[in-house]
Amino acid sequence: MYTDMFKLFNEQSEKALQPYVKFNKLMAKNAEVLTELQLNAVRTYSEIGLSQMKAATEVKDVSSLAVFNSNQMAVLTRLSQQMMDDSNKLQNIAKEFKQDVEELTNENIKAATPA
């Protein structure tokens, strides 16, 4: 008798907590994707900054300064393109997360609504 009662309680608890488990998995997945995006962004921006510092140390005279300055436009173009790419990736991540949360919400509403 007690075995059946505990089994029923366990099944009901599992069913009741299932939406929370799904949501927590979704949050963990989203945090992982965002962390990866941020790590890649930091790596890329650090590489750009370090390469600029190295290039600045190579300036020894007026002609090398002119070369350094002429390369600045290419670096700024690369930087702005990288920022646009990162922004688009972030928007896609946010859209996907929103869709996943909406799907989860709709599933829960359907499950909670009597037929």
C-alpha atoms as a PDB file:
ATOM      1  CA  MET A   1       0.000   0.000   0.000  1.00  0.00           C
ATOM      2  CA  TYR A   2       2.671   2.485   0.986  1.00  0.00           C
ATOM      3  CA  THR A   3       4.698   1.483  -2.037  1.00  0.00           C
ATOM      4  CA  ASP A   4       1.831   2.402  -4.336  1.00  0.00           C
ATOM      5  CA  MET A   5       1.299   5.669  -2.495  1.00  0.00           C
ATOM      6  CA  PHE A   6       4.965   6.632  -2.802  1.00  0.00           C
ATOM      7  CA  LYS A   7       5.011   5.579  -6.439  1.00  0.00           C
ATOM      8  CA  LEU A   8       1.955   7.719  -7.172  1.00  0.00           C
ATOM      9  CA  PHE A   9       3.433  10.654  -5.249  1.00  0.00           C
ATOM     10  CA  ASN A  10       6.695  10.282  -7.165  1.00  0.00           C
ATOM     11  CA  GLU A  11       4.912  10.203 -10.535  1.00  0.00           C
ATOM     12  CA  GLN A  12       2.781  13.230  -9.685  1.00  0.00           C
ATOM     13  CA  SER A  13       5.792  15.186  -8.440  1.00  0.00           C
ATOM     14  CA  GLU A  14       7.749  14.331 -11.565  1.00  0.00           C
ATOM     15  CA  LYS A  15       4.851  15.412 -13.762  1.00  0.00           C
ATOM     16  CA  ALA A  16       4.389  18.657 -11.805  1.00  0.00           C
ATOM     17  CA  LEU A  17       8.086  19.538 -11.901  1.00  0.00           C
ATOM     18  CA  GLN A  18       8.644  18.617 -15.554  1.00  0.00           C
ATOM     19  CA  PRO A  19       8.043  22.198 -16.861  1.00  0.00           C
ATOM     20  CA  TYR A  20      10.610  23.542 -14.391  1.00  0.00           C
ATOM     21  CA  VAL A  21      13.151  20.960 -15.462  1.00  0.00           C
ATOM     22  CA  LYS A  22      12.611  21.822 -19.135  1.00  0.00           C
ATOM     23  CA  PHE A  23      12.915  25.537 -18.397  1.00  0.00           C
ATOM     24  CA  ASN A  24      16.104  25.032 -16.383  1.00  0.00           C
ATOM     25  CA  LYS A  25      17.623  23.005 -19.238  1.00  0.00           C
ATOM     26  CA  LEU A  26      16.663  25.763 -21.654  1.00  0.00           C
ATOM     27  CA  MET A  27      18.267  28.392 -19.412  1.00  0.00           C
ATOM     28  CA  ALA A  28      21.452  26.334 -19.079  1.00  0.00           C
ATOM     29  CA  LYS A  29      21.659  25.865 -22.846  1.00  0.00           C
ATOM     30  CA  ASN A  30      21.158  29.595 -23.395  1.00  0.00           C
ATOM     31  CA  ALA A  31      23.805  30.487 -20.807  1.00  0.00           C
ATOM     32  CA  GLU A  32      26.239  28.098 -22.491  1.00  0.00           C
ATOM     33  CA  VAL A  33      25.646  29.610 -25.934  1.00  0.00           C
ATOM     34  CA  LEU A  34      25.966  33.174 -24.593  1.00  0.00           C
ATOM     35  CA  THR A  35      29.157  32.319 -22.726  1.00  0.00           C
ATOM     36  CA  GLU A  36      30.673  30.821 -25.878  1.00  0.00           C
ATOM     37  CA  LEU A  37      29.730  33.944 -27.843  1.00  0.00           C
ATOM     38  CA  GLN A  38      31.273  36.201 -25.213  1.00  0.00           C
ATOM     39  CA  LEU A  39      34.474  34.159 -25.005  1.00  0.00           C
ATOM     40  CA  ASN A  40      34.864  34.260 -28.784  1.00  0.00           C
ATOM     41  CA  ALA A  41      34.220  38.001 -28.813  1.00  0.00           C
ATOM     42  CA  VAL A  42      36.773  38.655 -26.074  1.00  0.00           C
ATOM     43  CA  ARG A  43      39.309  36.501 -27.908  1.00  0.00           C
ATOM     44  CA  THR A  44      38.744  38.307 -31.211  1.00  0.00           C
ATOM     45  CA  TYR A  45      38.798  41.814 -29.742  1.00  0.00           C
ATOM     46  CA  SER A  46      41.899  40.984 -27.716  1.00  0.00           C
ATOM     47  CA  GLU A  47      43.664  39.763 -30.841  1.00  0.00           C
ATOM     48  CA  ILE A  48      42.756  42.962 -32.662  1.00  0.00           C
ATOM     49  CA  GLY A  49      43.959  45.107 -29.764  1.00  0.00           C
ATOM     50  CA  LEU A  50      47.210  43.190 -29.342  1.00  0.00           C
ATOM     51  CA  SER A  51      47.961  43.323 -33.054  1.00  0.00           C
ATOM     52  CA  GLN A  52      47.416  47.085 -32.938  1.00  0.00           C
ATOM     53  CA  MET A  53      49.754  47.414 -29.978  1.00  0.00           C
ATOM     54  CA  LYS A  54      52.396  45.406 -31.819  1.00  0.00           C
ATOM     55  CA  ALA A  55      51.912  47.497 -34.934  1.00  0.00           C
ATOM     56  CA  ALA A  56      52.256  50.686 -32.876  1.00  0.00           C
ATOM     57  CA  THR A  57      55.586  49.490 -31.486  1.00  0.00           C
ATOM     58  CA  GLU A  58      56.883  49.185 -35.048  1.00  0.00           C
ATOM     59  CA  VAL A  59      56.466  52.938 -35.626  1.00  0.00           C
ATOM     60  CA  LYS A  60      60.007  54.280 -35.762  1.00  0.00           C
ATOM     61  CA  ASP A  61      59.831  57.178 -38.198  1.00  0.00           C
ATOM     62  CA  VAL A  62      57.416  59.291 -40.216  1.00  0.00           C
ATOM     63  CA  SER A  63      57.045  56.760 -43.045  1.00  0.00           C
ATOM     64  CA  SER A  64      56.233  53.894 -40.647  1.00  0.00           C
ATOM     65  CA  LEU A  65      53.765  56.219 -38.906  1.00  0.00           C
ATOM     66  CA  ALA A  66      52.094  56.877 -42.255  1.00  0.00           C
ATOM     67  CA  VAL A  67      51.830  53.132 -42.914  1.00  0.00           C
ATOM     68  CA  PHE A  68      50.417  52.559 -39.423  1.00  0.00           C
ATOM     69  CA  ASN A  69      47.823  55.304 -39.903  1.00  0.00           C
ATOM     70  CA  SER A  70      46.824  53.995 -43.326  1.00  0.00           C
ATOM     71  CA  ASN A  71      46.193  50.567 -41.825  1.00  0.00           C
ATOM     72  CA  GLN A  72      43.887  52.007 -39.172  1.00  0.00           C
ATOM     73  CA  MET A  73      40.949  52.229 -41.579  1.00  0.00           C
ATOM     74  CA  ALA A  74      41.234  48.511 -42.393  1.00  0.00           C
ATOM     75  CA  VAL A  75      41.419  47.667 -38.697  1.00  0.00           C
ATOM     76  CA  LEU A  76      38.387  49.811 -37.914  1.00  0.00           C
ATOM     77  CA  THR A  77      36.487  48.180 -40.773  1.00  0.00           C
ATOM     78  CA  ARG A  78      37.382  44.730 -39.430  1.00  0.00           C
ATOM     79  CA  LEU A  79      36.386  45.779 -35.919  1.00  0.00           C
ATOM     80  CA  SER A  80      33.033  47.210 -36.997  1.00  0.00           C
ATOM     81  CA  GLN A  81      32.305  44.094 -39.094  1.00  0.00           C
ATOM     82  CA  GLN A  82      33.120  41.879 -36.120  1.00  0.00           C
ATOM     83  CA  MET A  83      30.823  43.935 -33.902  1.00  0.00           C
ATOM     84  CA  MET A  84      28.009  43.650 -36.462  1.00  0.00           C
ATOM     85  CA  ASP A  85      28.520  39.876 -36.704  1.00  0.00           C
ATOM     86  CA  ASP A  86      28.480  39.540 -32.916  1.00  0.00           C
ATOM     87  CA  SER A  87      25.343  41.661 -32.717  1.00  0.00           C
ATOM     88  CA  ASN A  88      23.598  39.484 -35.308  1.00  0.00           C
ATOM     89  CA  LYS A  89      24.627  36.319 -33.472  1.00  0.00           C
ATOM     90  CA  LEU A  90      23.275  37.749 -30.219  1.00  0.00           C
ATOM     91  CA  GLN A  91      19.980  38.649 -31.882  1.00  0.00           C
ATOM     92  CA  ASN A  92      19.670  35.130 -33.290  1.00  0.00           C
ATOM     93  CA  ILE A  93      20.368  33.616 -29.879  1.00  0.00           C
ATOM     94  CA  ALA A  94      17.719  35.851 -28.305  1.00  0.00           C
ATOM     95  CA  LYS A  95      15.179  34.972 -31.015  1.00  0.00           C
ATOM     96  CA  GLU A  96      15.813  31.261 -30.613  1.00  0.00           C
ATOM     97  CA  PHE A  97      15.498  31.508 -26.828  1.00  0.00           C
ATOM     98  CA  LYS A  98      12.241  33.445 -27.146  1.00  0.00           C
ATOM     99  CA  GLN A  99      10.830  30.833 -29.518  1.00  0.00           C
ATOM    100  CA  ASP A 100      11.876  27.992 -27.216  1.00  0.00           C
ATOM    101  CA  VAL A 101      10.261  29.685 -24.202  1.00  0.00           C
ATOM    102  CA  GLU A 102       7.077  30.313 -26.192  1.00  0.00           C
ATOM    103  CA  GLU A 103       6.962  26.644 -27.241  1.00  0.00           C
ATOM    104  CA  LEU A 104       7.466  25.538 -23.654  1.00  0.00           C
ATOM    105  CA  THR A 105       4.739  27.915 -22.474  1.00  0.00           C
ATOM    106  CA  ASN A 106       2.311  26.682 -25.124  1.00  0.00           C
ATOM    107  CA  GLU A 107       3.043  23.055 -24.173  1.00  0.00           C
ATOM    108  CA  ASN A 108       2.338  23.830 -20.522  1.00  0.00           C
ATOM    109  CA  ILE A 109      -0.867  25.692 -21.339  1.00  0.00           C
ATOM    110  CA  LYS A 110      -2.091  22.768 -23.454  1.00  0.00           C
ATOM    111  CA  ALA A 111      -1.195  20.295 -20.726  1.00  0.00           C
ATOM    112  CA  ALA A 112      -2.944  22.363 -18.044  1.00  0.00           C
ATOM    113  CA  THR A 113      -6.058  23.112 -20.073  1.00  0.00           C
ATOM    114  CA  PRO A 114      -8.714  20.416 -19.962  1.00  0.00           C
ATOM    115  CA  ALA A 115      -9.748  19.134 -23.377  1.00  0.00           C
END
